Protein backbone atom coordinates (compact mmCIF):
# COMPACT_ATOMS: atom_id res chain seq x y z
CA UNK A 1 33.59 12.00 -19.48
CA UNK A 2 36.94 11.42 -21.20
CA UNK A 3 38.43 10.08 -17.96
CA UNK A 4 35.44 7.76 -17.60
CA UNK A 5 35.99 6.33 -21.11
CA UNK A 6 39.75 6.01 -20.59
CA UNK A 7 39.25 4.18 -17.30
CA UNK A 8 36.87 1.69 -18.89
CA UNK A 9 39.28 1.09 -21.80
CA UNK A 10 42.15 0.38 -19.43
CA UNK A 11 39.96 -2.08 -17.51
CA UNK A 12 39.36 -4.03 -20.71
CA UNK A 13 43.01 -4.98 -21.23
CA UNK A 14 43.52 -7.23 -18.16
CA UNK A 15 40.31 -9.11 -18.94
CA UNK A 16 41.39 -9.86 -22.51
CA UNK A 17 44.90 -10.88 -21.45
CA UNK A 18 43.78 -13.18 -18.62
CA UNK A 19 41.14 -14.94 -20.74
CA UNK A 20 43.53 -15.39 -23.67
CA UNK A 21 46.22 -16.89 -21.38
CA UNK A 22 43.74 -19.21 -19.66
CA UNK A 23 42.24 -20.42 -22.94
CA UNK A 24 45.62 -20.94 -24.57
CA UNK A 25 46.97 -22.88 -21.57
CA UNK A 26 43.90 -25.08 -21.17
CA UNK A 27 43.61 -25.91 -24.87
CA UNK A 28 47.34 -26.65 -25.06
CA UNK A 29 46.90 -29.27 -22.34
CA UNK A 30 43.81 -30.77 -23.97
CA UNK A 31 44.97 -30.78 -27.57
CA UNK A 32 48.18 -32.75 -27.07
CA UNK A 33 50.41 -33.05 -30.12
CA UNK A 34 48.87 -30.85 -32.85
CA UNK A 35 50.75 -32.67 -35.59
CA UNK A 36 48.98 -35.90 -34.68
CA UNK A 37 45.71 -33.95 -34.60
CA UNK A 38 46.33 -32.72 -38.15
CA UNK A 39 47.65 -36.02 -39.56
CA UNK A 40 45.49 -38.34 -37.47
CA UNK A 41 46.54 -40.73 -34.73
CA UNK A 42 47.05 -43.59 -37.20
CA UNK A 43 49.34 -41.62 -39.50
CA UNK A 44 52.16 -43.44 -41.24
CA UNK A 45 54.33 -40.33 -41.52
CA UNK A 46 57.96 -40.77 -40.51
CA UNK A 47 59.42 -39.04 -37.47
CA UNK A 48 61.39 -36.60 -39.58
CA UNK A 49 58.20 -35.33 -41.24
CA UNK A 50 56.46 -35.03 -37.87
CA UNK A 51 59.40 -33.09 -36.40
CA UNK A 52 59.45 -30.74 -39.40
CA UNK A 53 55.72 -30.07 -39.07
CA UNK A 54 56.15 -29.34 -35.35
CA UNK A 55 58.85 -26.84 -36.20
CA UNK A 56 56.73 -25.22 -38.92
CA UNK A 57 53.80 -24.87 -36.53
CA UNK A 58 56.06 -23.61 -33.76
CA UNK A 59 54.73 -26.16 -31.25
CA UNK A 60 58.17 -27.55 -30.47
CA UNK A 61 58.78 -24.52 -28.24
CA UNK A 62 57.60 -23.96 -24.65
CA UNK A 63 53.93 -22.99 -24.26
CA UNK A 64 54.70 -19.46 -22.94
CA UNK A 65 56.81 -18.77 -26.03
CA UNK A 66 54.02 -20.10 -28.26
CA UNK A 67 51.54 -17.80 -26.52
CA UNK A 68 53.74 -14.73 -26.93
CA UNK A 69 54.25 -15.54 -30.61
CA UNK A 70 50.50 -15.99 -31.08
CA UNK A 71 49.77 -12.72 -29.29
CA UNK A 72 52.31 -10.94 -31.49
CA UNK A 73 50.40 -12.13 -34.57
CA UNK A 74 47.06 -11.17 -32.97
CA UNK A 75 48.24 -7.62 -32.41
CA UNK A 76 49.02 -7.43 -36.12
CA UNK A 77 45.53 -8.69 -36.98
CA UNK A 78 46.44 -12.31 -37.70
CA UNK A 79 44.47 -14.91 -35.70
CA UNK A 80 46.18 -17.80 -37.44
CA UNK A 81 44.98 -20.61 -39.70
CA UNK A 82 42.81 -23.56 -38.81
CA UNK A 83 44.58 -26.89 -38.34
CA UNK A 84 41.68 -28.65 -40.02
CA UNK A 85 41.38 -26.52 -43.16
CA UNK A 86 43.46 -23.95 -45.05
CA UNK A 87 40.99 -21.18 -44.14
CA UNK A 88 42.19 -18.42 -41.82
CA UNK A 89 40.49 -17.99 -38.46
CA UNK A 90 39.61 -14.39 -39.35
CA UNK A 91 37.77 -15.48 -42.50
CA UNK A 92 35.97 -18.24 -40.61
CA UNK A 93 34.77 -15.81 -37.93
CA UNK A 94 33.66 -13.31 -40.58
CA UNK A 95 31.54 -15.98 -42.29
CA UNK A 96 29.93 -17.24 -39.07
CA UNK A 97 29.47 -13.96 -37.19
CA UNK A 98 26.32 -12.69 -39.01
CA UNK A 99 24.34 -15.75 -37.91
CA UNK A 100 25.22 -15.31 -34.23
CA UNK A 101 24.61 -11.56 -34.33
CA UNK A 102 21.20 -12.04 -35.93
CA UNK A 103 20.19 -14.66 -33.35
CA UNK A 104 21.50 -12.58 -30.43
CA UNK A 105 19.82 -9.32 -31.41
CA UNK A 106 16.55 -11.00 -32.36
CA UNK A 107 16.48 -12.70 -28.97
CA UNK A 108 17.39 -9.49 -27.17
CA UNK A 109 14.76 -7.49 -29.06
CA UNK A 110 12.07 -10.08 -28.35
CA UNK A 111 13.01 -10.23 -24.66
CA UNK A 112 12.81 -6.45 -24.29
CA UNK A 113 9.58 -6.14 -26.28
CA UNK A 114 7.86 -8.59 -23.93
CA UNK A 115 9.58 -8.01 -20.60
CA UNK A 116 9.28 -4.21 -20.38
CA UNK A 117 5.46 -4.12 -20.77
CA UNK A 118 5.03 -7.12 -18.45
CA UNK A 119 7.34 -5.73 -15.78
CA UNK A 120 5.68 -2.32 -15.95
CA UNK A 121 2.20 -3.83 -15.72
CA UNK A 122 3.21 -5.90 -12.69
CA UNK A 123 4.71 -2.84 -10.98
CA UNK A 124 1.58 -0.76 -11.53
CA UNK A 125 -0.55 -3.38 -9.75
CA UNK A 126 1.67 -4.87 -7.00
CA UNK A 127 0.13 -7.77 -5.15
CA UNK A 128 -2.75 -8.09 -7.62
CA UNK A 129 -3.57 -11.28 -9.54
CA UNK A 130 -1.89 -9.73 -12.60
CA UNK A 131 1.31 -9.24 -10.61
CA UNK A 132 1.18 -12.78 -9.27
CA UNK A 133 0.66 -14.29 -12.73
CA UNK A 134 3.44 -12.24 -14.33
CA UNK A 135 5.87 -13.01 -11.50
CA UNK A 136 4.99 -16.70 -11.74
CA UNK A 137 5.54 -16.78 -15.50
CA UNK A 138 8.84 -14.96 -15.04
CA UNK A 139 9.99 -17.56 -12.52
CA UNK A 140 8.98 -20.40 -14.84
CA UNK A 141 10.85 -18.89 -17.80
CA UNK A 142 13.97 -18.56 -15.65
CA UNK A 143 13.72 -22.18 -14.56
CA UNK A 144 13.47 -23.73 -18.03
CA UNK A 145 16.86 -24.83 -19.47
CA UNK A 146 17.15 -23.49 -23.00
CA UNK A 147 18.43 -26.80 -24.40
CA UNK A 148 15.29 -28.56 -23.10
CA UNK A 149 13.04 -25.78 -24.36
CA UNK A 150 14.64 -25.92 -27.80
CA UNK A 151 14.05 -29.66 -28.08
CA UNK A 152 10.46 -29.21 -26.86
CA UNK A 153 9.78 -26.48 -29.44
CA UNK A 154 11.19 -28.63 -32.24
CA UNK A 155 9.00 -31.53 -31.14
CA UNK A 156 5.86 -29.41 -30.93
CA UNK A 157 6.12 -27.00 -33.86
CA UNK A 158 8.25 -29.01 -36.30
CA UNK A 159 7.56 -32.69 -35.74
CA UNK A 160 3.94 -32.61 -34.49
CA UNK A 161 2.42 -29.51 -36.07
CA UNK A 162 4.80 -29.10 -38.99
CA UNK A 163 4.48 -25.32 -38.88
CA UNK A 164 8.17 -24.41 -38.75
CA UNK A 165 11.43 -26.00 -39.91
CA UNK A 166 13.52 -27.61 -37.21
CA UNK A 167 16.99 -26.64 -38.39
CA UNK A 168 19.05 -24.90 -41.03
CA UNK A 169 19.81 -21.33 -42.00
CA UNK A 170 19.15 -19.07 -45.00
CA UNK A 171 20.64 -15.55 -45.12
CA UNK A 172 18.05 -12.83 -44.68
CA UNK A 173 18.95 -11.10 -47.94
CA UNK A 174 18.53 -14.35 -49.89
CA UNK A 175 15.06 -15.19 -48.57
CA UNK A 176 13.68 -12.98 -45.77
CA UNK A 177 10.57 -15.10 -45.15
CA UNK A 178 12.44 -18.40 -44.92
CA UNK A 179 15.11 -16.76 -42.77
CA UNK A 180 12.53 -15.60 -40.22
CA UNK A 181 10.87 -19.01 -40.22
CA UNK A 182 14.18 -20.69 -39.48
CA UNK A 183 15.13 -18.14 -36.82
CA UNK A 184 11.81 -18.05 -34.96
CA UNK A 185 12.29 -21.14 -32.80
CA UNK A 186 15.96 -20.41 -31.96
CA UNK A 187 15.07 -16.82 -31.08
CA UNK A 188 12.25 -17.92 -28.78
CA UNK A 189 14.51 -20.53 -27.18
CA UNK A 190 17.27 -18.04 -26.44
CA UNK A 191 14.96 -15.19 -25.39
CA UNK A 192 12.72 -17.06 -22.95
CA UNK A 193 15.05 -16.96 -19.95
CA UNK A 194 15.84 -13.29 -20.48
CA UNK A 195 12.15 -12.40 -20.72
CA UNK A 196 11.71 -13.62 -17.15
CA UNK A 197 14.81 -11.95 -15.73
CA UNK A 198 14.21 -8.64 -17.48
CA UNK A 199 10.55 -8.57 -16.44
CA UNK A 200 11.59 -8.96 -12.80
CA UNK A 201 14.25 -6.27 -13.11
CA UNK A 202 11.77 -3.86 -14.73
CA UNK A 203 9.16 -4.56 -12.05
CA UNK A 204 11.62 -3.97 -9.22
CA UNK A 205 12.99 -0.79 -10.78
CA UNK A 206 9.55 0.61 -11.56
CA UNK A 207 8.33 -0.05 -8.01
CA UNK A 208 11.30 1.85 -6.65
CA UNK A 209 10.80 4.80 -9.02
CA UNK A 210 7.04 4.99 -8.49
CA UNK A 211 7.70 5.48 -4.77
CA UNK A 212 9.91 8.53 -5.35
CA UNK A 213 8.86 12.02 -4.28
CA UNK A 214 8.95 13.51 -7.78
CA UNK A 215 6.46 10.90 -9.03
CA UNK A 216 4.08 11.67 -6.19
CA UNK A 217 4.52 15.39 -6.93
CA UNK A 218 3.68 14.80 -10.59
CA UNK A 219 0.53 12.95 -9.59
CA UNK A 220 -0.40 15.73 -7.13
CA UNK A 221 -0.14 18.26 -9.95
CA UNK A 222 -2.94 16.43 -11.70
CA UNK A 223 -0.90 14.88 -14.51
CA UNK A 224 -2.54 11.98 -16.24
CA UNK A 225 -1.35 8.53 -15.21
CA UNK A 226 0.05 7.85 -18.69
CA UNK A 227 2.14 11.05 -18.57
CA UNK A 228 3.49 10.19 -15.12
CA UNK A 229 4.43 6.64 -16.09
CA UNK A 230 5.98 7.27 -19.50
CA UNK A 231 7.17 10.84 -19.00
CA UNK A 232 8.71 10.51 -15.55
CA UNK A 233 8.84 6.99 -14.11
CA UNK A 234 9.71 4.86 -17.15
CA UNK A 235 12.64 7.01 -18.24
CA UNK A 236 14.36 6.70 -14.87
CA UNK A 237 13.35 3.11 -14.19
CA UNK A 238 15.09 1.87 -17.34
CA UNK A 239 18.47 3.37 -16.44
CA UNK A 240 19.53 0.36 -14.29
CA UNK A 241 18.18 -1.98 -16.97
CA UNK A 242 20.76 -0.61 -19.42
CA UNK A 243 23.56 -1.78 -17.13
CA UNK A 244 21.95 -5.18 -16.62
CA UNK A 245 21.62 -5.66 -20.38
CA UNK A 246 25.34 -5.15 -20.79
CA UNK A 247 26.09 -7.71 -18.11
CA UNK A 248 23.73 -10.24 -19.69
CA UNK A 249 25.23 -10.01 -23.17
CA UNK A 250 27.83 -12.56 -22.13
CA UNK A 251 25.02 -14.92 -21.16
CA UNK A 252 23.36 -14.34 -24.51
CA UNK A 253 26.51 -15.35 -26.38
CA UNK A 254 26.90 -18.40 -24.15
CA UNK A 255 23.26 -19.34 -24.71
CA UNK A 256 23.77 -18.92 -28.45
CA UNK A 257 26.34 -21.72 -28.37
CA UNK A 258 23.75 -24.21 -27.09
CA UNK A 259 20.91 -22.82 -29.22
CA UNK A 260 22.92 -22.89 -32.45
CA UNK A 261 23.94 -26.48 -31.76
CA UNK A 262 20.34 -27.58 -31.20
CA UNK A 263 19.03 -25.89 -34.36
CA UNK A 264 22.13 -26.53 -36.53
CA UNK A 265 22.75 -22.84 -37.14
CA UNK A 266 26.16 -22.17 -38.74
CA UNK A 267 27.18 -19.48 -36.26
CA UNK A 268 29.97 -18.88 -33.78
CA UNK A 269 28.48 -21.35 -31.33
CA UNK A 270 28.65 -24.37 -33.60
CA UNK A 271 32.04 -23.16 -34.84
CA UNK A 272 33.60 -23.27 -31.40
CA UNK A 273 31.93 -26.58 -30.50
CA UNK A 274 33.27 -28.19 -33.71
CA UNK A 275 36.70 -26.68 -33.06
CA UNK A 276 36.81 -28.01 -29.49
CA UNK A 277 35.84 -31.52 -30.53
CA UNK A 278 38.28 -31.30 -33.45
CA UNK A 279 40.99 -29.96 -31.10
CA UNK A 280 41.59 -27.07 -33.47
CA UNK A 281 43.49 -24.72 -31.14
CA UNK A 282 43.83 -21.68 -33.47
CA UNK A 283 40.07 -21.58 -34.09
CA UNK A 284 39.15 -22.05 -30.42
CA UNK A 285 41.59 -19.40 -29.27
CA UNK A 286 40.54 -16.96 -31.99
CA UNK A 287 36.81 -17.39 -31.37
CA UNK A 288 37.14 -17.12 -27.58
CA UNK A 289 39.22 -13.97 -27.90
CA UNK A 290 36.78 -12.45 -30.40
CA UNK A 291 33.71 -13.24 -28.26
CA UNK A 292 35.47 -11.86 -25.18
CA UNK A 293 36.27 -8.68 -27.10
CA UNK A 294 32.64 -8.37 -28.18
CA UNK A 295 31.32 -8.83 -24.65
CA UNK A 296 33.80 -6.34 -23.23
CA UNK A 297 32.97 -3.86 -26.00
CA UNK A 298 29.24 -4.21 -25.31
CA UNK A 299 29.87 -3.58 -21.63
CA UNK A 300 31.91 -0.51 -22.53
CA UNK A 301 29.08 0.84 -24.67
CA UNK A 302 26.69 0.09 -21.82
CA UNK A 303 28.85 1.99 -19.35
CA UNK A 304 29.01 4.94 -21.73
CA UNK A 305 25.24 4.88 -22.19
CA UNK A 306 24.79 4.74 -18.43
CA UNK A 307 27.10 7.71 -18.06
CA UNK A 308 25.08 9.68 -20.59
CA UNK A 309 21.78 8.78 -18.92
CA UNK A 310 22.89 9.39 -15.34
CA UNK A 311 24.26 12.89 -14.63
CA UNK A 312 25.87 11.64 -11.41
CA UNK A 313 28.32 9.50 -13.41
CA UNK A 314 29.32 12.47 -15.56
CA UNK A 315 29.78 14.60 -12.47
CA UNK A 316 31.91 11.93 -10.78
CA UNK A 317 34.37 11.51 -13.66
CA UNK A 318 34.15 14.96 -15.17
């Protein structure tokens, strides 16, 4: 198992390096002169002041040298300081991260709570009207863009019915009830697509497991249907779902960017959108690197969980 963990850790490094280089290079081309970004295009500052600021920021050097200097600071735990405010990127991420984590895990929990029962029910009655309805609903949920769904939910539940607020955020510890009210529509928006995909994955996996010899043997022994499904089939059918969840975490973070923008949630999504439009390179680079690290870490945890659940993985890597 140690070799398995070490191999996964070594595979993380190239991903982080490639994404950091690509982001740094692309943003360097888009941003242009950072001094003019900070001072404004119509600045009246003299050339000597501009040159001094370029030297202080280190942007008067070649881009590869700037990247290596930035990476040196990153390895020491310093993600830099925003060009738009005196706040460090690390502090900004720390302030925004709880909102994104809450939205992501609420959406993931809602998707699993709905998709696993629906997928299991569809697998137990393949070809029946129940299966057709569930499969149809899953296809519809996959086809709905989350930005359109978010706008539709705001129109229906906020503007027309007035049941829920359309935007804003209150920390859970400050006001749990208001927090849940504000997070309900964003959570539903982000979770809808994953409800459909997970339901289809669960259905497919359950159908495959229910056709295995050990399930038929359990039924032949006279075990009750509930015991066969939850004691034998479900446990093995969910093993592939664990891997799929890890792969979809990146999609959840990407969907959070759009969802947070629609509902004006002060999370990582709106942070990176504001930084891109403000051409704030340190914030963009820091947030992209942090999100990449989170996605890779989640995939690592998923791989470890898969290794613990599947004895064949442990046997393969020792």
